[in-house]
Amino acid sequence: MSRIDATLAALKAQGRKALIPYVTAGYPFADVTPELMHSMVDAGADIIELGVPFSDPSADGPVIQKAGDKALAFGIGTLQVLEMVRQFRQTNPLTPVVLMGYANPVERYDLKHGADSFIRDAAAAGVDGVLVVDYPPEECVEFAAKLRAHQMDLIFLLAPTSTDARMQQVAQVASGYVYYVSLKGVTGSGALDTDAVEAMLPRIRQHVHIPVGVGFGIRDAATAQTIGRVADAVVIGSKIIQLIENEPREQVGPVTAEFLRGIRAALDA
């Protein structure tokens, strides 16, 4: 059982929902991420999604694109992100960490460091899951099996446009949880239609029998609470990036923690 499986199973047994914050690694300061991850856990985060900066993030809106650009300017790449996870693991052996990004950095890493080196080094650093936005499930059977051999999960996105056939394909290779993108478009775009999410989740669960997290458009405690009633997990990213964009370094962790404590309280209520 992976750390993600264990975490989500324990929450389910308690009747609680997972809080999954997303931050871009190396943002808004190159060295702040491990400290920020600890702040998020202290505030009630159950799983952390860590964005791997990439120059062409097709699924990300302007907020996360800008964060990625700044992190890239600091020289943050996959190697540095793995080191951040390693630092976090020195004092936190339990909270699952998911790397979220794109195929190009994964494949470049393997080209530079040897076949399957990304999986090997991610596992050694303490990564628990990988979400590669532009990897289609039908091309991921071998990749998923190699990750599972290292106790890591391969997580997939589903969208309002996902067909039943696509959900079935995802169900065959996904583990840990699936991430339902509640809006058409990129991260941070549009207003969340909670009724539409509520209607979609039973359809997803007809095909996918692992937990379902919902993200994109969740920006406050009230929305998180509404989504938490129907989803197994709530994912929040763009709002956190906006909150810390102009904060001095010493306030990045406290500001994020204060926001997440409100979300945690709403989910537990």
Protein backbone atom coordinates (compact mmCIF):
# COMPACT_ATOMS: atom_id res chain seq x y z
CA MET A 1 0.00 0.00 0.00
CA SER A 2 1.34 3.41 -0.96
CA ARG A 3 1.45 6.35 1.45
CA ILE A 4 -1.37 7.93 -0.60
CA ASP A 5 -3.56 4.82 -0.23
CA ALA A 6 -2.88 4.68 3.50
CA THR A 7 -3.62 8.38 4.01
CA LEU A 8 -6.88 8.34 2.06
CA ALA A 9 -8.03 5.10 3.70
CA ALA A 10 -7.40 6.54 7.18
CA LEU A 11 -9.34 9.71 6.32
CA LYS A 12 -12.25 7.67 4.97
CA ALA A 13 -12.34 5.63 8.17
CA GLN A 14 -12.57 8.90 10.12
CA GLY A 15 -15.30 10.27 7.85
CA ARG A 16 -13.01 13.11 6.76
CA LYS A 17 -12.02 14.53 3.38
CA ALA A 18 -8.47 15.06 2.12
CA LEU A 19 -7.10 18.57 1.76
CA ILE A 20 -4.57 18.69 -1.09
CA PRO A 21 -2.84 22.05 -1.61
CA TYR A 22 -0.74 22.68 -4.73
CA VAL A 23 2.29 24.96 -4.88
CA THR A 24 4.87 25.50 -7.60
CA ALA A 25 8.27 24.27 -6.43
CA GLY A 26 10.73 27.13 -6.00
CA TYR A 27 8.05 29.83 -5.80
CA PRO A 28 7.96 32.60 -4.71
CA PHE A 29 11.52 32.09 -3.40
CA ALA A 30 13.93 29.44 -4.61
CA ASP A 31 14.61 27.99 -1.16
CA VAL A 32 11.21 28.35 0.54
CA THR A 33 9.44 25.19 -0.64
CA PRO A 34 10.39 22.58 2.03
CA GLU A 35 9.54 25.08 4.76
CA LEU A 36 6.27 25.94 3.01
CA MET A 37 5.39 22.24 2.75
CA HIS A 38 5.80 21.86 6.52
CA SER A 39 3.59 24.91 7.09
CA MET A 40 0.87 23.37 4.94
CA VAL A 41 1.00 20.08 6.85
CA ASP A 42 0.82 21.94 10.17
CA ALA A 43 -2.31 23.70 8.87
CA GLY A 44 -4.05 20.44 8.00
CA ALA A 45 -2.87 19.42 4.52
CA ASP A 46 -3.15 15.67 3.98
CA ILE A 47 -1.30 15.38 0.64
CA ILE A 48 0.88 17.97 -1.09
CA GLU A 49 0.97 18.47 -4.84
CA LEU A 50 4.25 20.02 -5.92
CA GLY A 51 4.37 21.60 -9.36
CA VAL A 52 7.51 20.92 -11.39
CA PRO A 53 8.30 24.16 -13.29
CA PHE A 54 8.11 23.85 -17.08
CA SER A 55 8.39 26.43 -19.85
CA ASP A 56 5.25 25.38 -21.74
CA PRO A 57 2.59 24.42 -19.15
CA SER A 58 -0.41 23.96 -21.46
CA ALA A 59 -2.94 23.14 -18.72
CA ASP A 60 -2.00 26.02 -16.43
CA GLY A 61 -3.56 29.45 -16.36
CA PRO A 62 -1.68 32.76 -16.03
CA VAL A 63 -1.27 32.54 -12.24
CA ILE A 64 0.57 29.20 -12.22
CA GLN A 65 2.37 29.98 -15.49
CA LYS A 66 3.80 33.12 -13.89
CA ALA A 67 4.87 31.14 -10.83
CA GLY A 68 6.56 28.56 -13.03
CA ASP A 69 8.38 31.23 -15.00
CA LYS A 70 9.73 32.75 -11.80
CA ALA A 71 10.86 29.36 -10.49
CA LEU A 72 12.58 28.59 -13.81
CA ALA A 73 14.38 31.94 -13.59
CA PHE A 74 15.70 30.80 -10.21
CA GLY A 75 17.10 27.68 -11.92
CA ILE A 76 14.54 25.27 -10.46
CA GLY A 77 14.24 22.03 -12.46
CA THR A 78 13.41 18.42 -11.73
CA LEU A 79 16.69 17.78 -9.92
CA GLN A 80 16.08 20.70 -7.56
CA VAL A 81 12.45 19.64 -6.98
CA LEU A 82 13.57 16.15 -5.93
CA GLU A 83 16.05 17.71 -3.52
CA MET A 84 13.19 19.76 -1.99
CA VAL A 85 11.21 16.58 -1.41
CA ARG A 86 14.30 14.97 0.11
CA GLN A 87 14.67 17.90 2.52
CA PHE A 88 10.99 17.71 3.48
CA ARG A 89 11.33 13.97 4.14
CA GLN A 90 14.14 14.52 6.66
CA THR A 91 11.52 15.48 9.24
CA ASN A 92 8.23 14.32 7.70
CA PRO A 93 8.13 10.64 6.77
CA LEU A 94 4.34 10.41 6.48
CA THR A 95 2.65 13.12 4.38
CA PRO A 96 2.33 12.03 0.74
CA VAL A 97 3.92 14.22 -1.93
CA VAL A 98 2.72 14.20 -5.53
CA LEU A 99 4.78 15.74 -8.34
CA MET A 100 2.55 17.43 -10.90
CA GLY A 101 3.94 18.43 -14.27
CA TYR A 102 4.52 17.54 -17.89
CA ALA A 103 6.13 14.82 -19.95
CA ASN A 104 9.06 16.88 -21.19
CA PRO A 105 10.87 17.27 -17.82
CA VAL A 106 10.36 13.57 -17.00
CA GLU A 107 11.74 12.41 -20.33
CA ARG A 108 14.59 14.93 -20.31
CA TYR A 109 15.57 13.67 -16.87
CA ASP A 110 15.74 10.09 -18.14
CA LEU A 111 17.75 11.17 -21.18
CA LYS A 112 20.24 12.95 -18.97
CA HIS A 113 20.49 10.48 -16.09
CA GLY A 114 19.64 7.13 -17.68
CA ALA A 115 16.57 5.03 -18.43
CA ASP A 116 13.99 5.02 -15.60
CA SER A 117 16.19 7.33 -13.53
CA PHE A 118 13.27 9.68 -12.85
CA ILE A 119 11.31 6.87 -11.18
CA ARG A 120 14.36 5.65 -9.27
CA ASP A 121 15.35 9.10 -8.02
CA ALA A 122 11.79 10.21 -7.26
CA ALA A 123 11.28 7.12 -5.11
CA ALA A 124 14.62 7.67 -3.36
CA ALA A 125 13.68 11.29 -2.61
CA GLY A 126 10.37 10.25 -1.05
CA VAL A 127 7.86 11.05 -3.79
CA ASP A 128 4.55 9.17 -3.51
CA GLY A 129 2.75 9.99 -6.74
CA VAL A 130 3.20 11.50 -10.17
CA LEU A 131 0.64 13.39 -12.24
CA VAL A 132 1.91 13.95 -15.78
CA VAL A 133 -0.69 16.18 -17.42
CA ASP A 134 0.10 15.22 -21.02
CA TYR A 135 0.55 11.44 -20.58
CA PRO A 136 -2.53 9.67 -21.98
CA PRO A 137 -3.54 6.54 -20.05
CA GLU A 138 -3.29 4.22 -23.05
CA GLU A 139 0.46 4.97 -23.26
CA CYS A 140 1.15 4.63 -19.53
CA VAL A 141 0.66 0.97 -18.64
CA GLU A 142 4.40 0.26 -18.32
CA PHE A 143 5.14 3.59 -16.62
CA ALA A 144 2.36 2.99 -14.08
CA ALA A 145 3.64 -0.53 -13.33
CA LYS A 146 7.18 0.76 -12.75
CA LEU A 147 5.90 3.46 -10.41
CA ARG A 148 3.84 0.95 -8.43
CA ALA A 149 6.91 -1.28 -8.11
CA HIS A 150 8.46 1.65 -6.23
CA GLN A 151 5.32 2.26 -4.09
CA MET A 152 4.36 5.32 -6.14
CA ASP A 153 1.00 6.08 -7.74
CA LEU A 154 0.21 7.42 -11.20
CA ILE A 155 -2.56 9.99 -10.97
CA PHE A 156 -4.69 11.15 -13.88
CA LEU A 157 -6.91 14.09 -14.66
CA LEU A 158 -10.54 13.72 -15.67
CA ALA A 159 -12.59 16.61 -17.05
CA PRO A 160 -16.22 17.55 -17.73
CA THR A 161 -15.58 16.44 -21.31
CA SER A 162 -14.23 12.98 -20.37
CA THR A 163 -16.18 10.17 -22.03
CA ASP A 164 -17.11 6.89 -20.35
CA ALA A 165 -14.50 5.17 -22.53
CA ARG A 166 -11.80 7.58 -21.33
CA MET A 167 -12.78 7.02 -17.70
CA GLN A 168 -12.49 3.27 -18.22
CA GLN A 169 -9.01 3.72 -19.72
CA VAL A 170 -7.94 5.84 -16.75
CA ALA A 171 -9.39 3.31 -14.31
CA GLN A 172 -7.17 0.58 -15.75
CA VAL A 173 -3.89 2.36 -14.94
CA ALA A 174 -4.60 5.02 -12.28
CA SER A 175 -3.84 4.49 -8.61
CA GLY A 176 -3.90 6.65 -5.50
CA TYR A 177 -6.65 9.00 -6.63
CA VAL A 178 -7.97 10.66 -9.75
CA TYR A 179 -8.11 14.43 -10.06
CA TYR A 180 -11.36 15.74 -11.51
CA VAL A 181 -10.83 19.09 -13.23
CA SER A 182 -14.11 20.78 -12.45
CA LEU A 183 -13.85 23.44 -15.17
CA LYS A 184 -13.21 23.46 -18.88
CA GLY A 185 -10.03 25.41 -19.58
CA VAL A 186 -6.87 26.05 -17.60
CA THR A 187 -6.12 26.38 -13.89
CA GLY A 188 -7.60 29.42 -12.20
CA SER A 189 -10.21 30.04 -14.88
CA GLY A 190 -13.95 30.51 -14.58
CA ALA A 191 -16.44 30.11 -11.78
CA LEU A 192 -17.03 26.73 -10.21
CA ASP A 193 -20.44 25.15 -10.85
CA THR A 194 -20.84 22.98 -7.77
CA ASP A 195 -24.09 21.45 -9.03
CA ALA A 196 -22.32 20.24 -12.17
CA VAL A 197 -19.54 18.69 -10.05
CA GLU A 198 -22.09 16.96 -7.86
CA ALA A 199 -23.80 15.52 -10.92
CA MET A 200 -20.53 14.33 -12.50
CA LEU A 201 -19.01 12.44 -9.58
CA PRO A 202 -21.47 9.49 -9.56
CA ARG A 203 -20.73 8.99 -13.25
CA ILE A 204 -16.99 8.96 -12.60
CA ARG A 205 -17.44 6.47 -9.76
CA GLN A 206 -19.24 4.05 -12.06
CA HIS A 207 -15.87 3.51 -13.76
CA VAL A 208 -13.20 4.64 -11.29
CA HIS A 209 -13.07 2.85 -7.95
CA ILE A 210 -10.33 4.85 -6.24
CA PRO A 211 -10.84 8.19 -4.43
CA VAL A 212 -11.79 11.25 -6.49
CA GLY A 213 -10.29 14.66 -5.77
CA VAL A 214 -11.75 17.83 -7.25
CA GLY A 215 -9.78 20.93 -8.18
CA PHE A 216 -9.72 24.03 -10.41
CA GLY A 217 -11.89 26.90 -9.18
CA ILE A 218 -11.89 26.16 -5.43
CA ARG A 219 -10.92 29.46 -3.86
CA ASP A 220 -12.57 29.69 -0.43
CA ALA A 221 -13.80 27.69 2.53
CA ALA A 222 -17.46 27.70 1.48
CA THR A 223 -16.73 26.24 -1.95
CA ALA A 224 -14.32 23.71 -0.46
CA GLN A 225 -16.98 22.61 2.01
CA THR A 226 -19.58 22.18 -0.74
CA ILE A 227 -17.19 20.13 -2.89
CA GLY A 228 -16.05 18.15 0.15
CA ARG A 229 -19.58 16.85 0.63
CA VAL A 230 -19.39 14.92 -2.64
CA ALA A 231 -15.66 14.45 -3.34
CA ASP A 232 -13.04 12.45 -1.45
CA ALA A 233 -10.50 15.27 -1.66
CA VAL A 234 -10.33 18.99 -2.40
CA VAL A 235 -7.39 20.38 -4.38
CA ILE A 236 -6.46 24.08 -4.16
CA GLY A 237 -3.66 25.68 -6.18
CA SER A 238 -4.08 29.01 -7.95
CA LYS A 239 -5.52 30.75 -4.88
CA ILE A 240 -2.47 29.83 -2.79
CA ILE A 241 -0.12 31.05 -5.51
CA GLN A 242 -1.98 34.38 -5.59
CA LEU A 243 -1.90 34.73 -1.82
CA ILE A 244 1.87 34.36 -1.54
CA GLU A 245 2.87 36.20 -4.72
CA ASN A 246 3.88 39.46 -3.02
CA GLU A 247 4.60 38.25 0.50
CA PRO A 248 8.04 38.63 2.08
CA ARG A 249 9.82 35.33 2.53
CA GLU A 250 9.09 35.03 6.25
CA GLN A 251 5.35 35.40 5.63
CA VAL A 252 4.95 32.81 2.86
CA GLY A 253 4.43 29.90 5.25
CA PRO A 254 2.24 31.72 7.80
CA VAL A 255 -0.04 33.26 5.14
CA THR A 256 -0.53 29.90 3.44
CA ALA A 257 -1.14 28.15 6.76
CA GLU A 258 -3.76 30.70 7.85
CA PHE A 259 -5.67 30.21 4.59
CA LEU A 260 -5.48 26.41 4.76
CA ARG A 261 -6.62 26.32 8.40
CA GLY A 262 -9.86 27.94 7.25
CA ILE A 263 -10.29 25.35 4.49
CA ARG A 264 -9.50 22.49 6.91
CA ALA A 265 -12.06 23.75 9.44
CA ALA A 266 -14.72 24.00 6.72
CA LEU A 267 -14.02 20.48 5.46
CA ASP A 268 -14.13 19.04 8.98
CA ALA A 269 -17.35 20.89 9.82
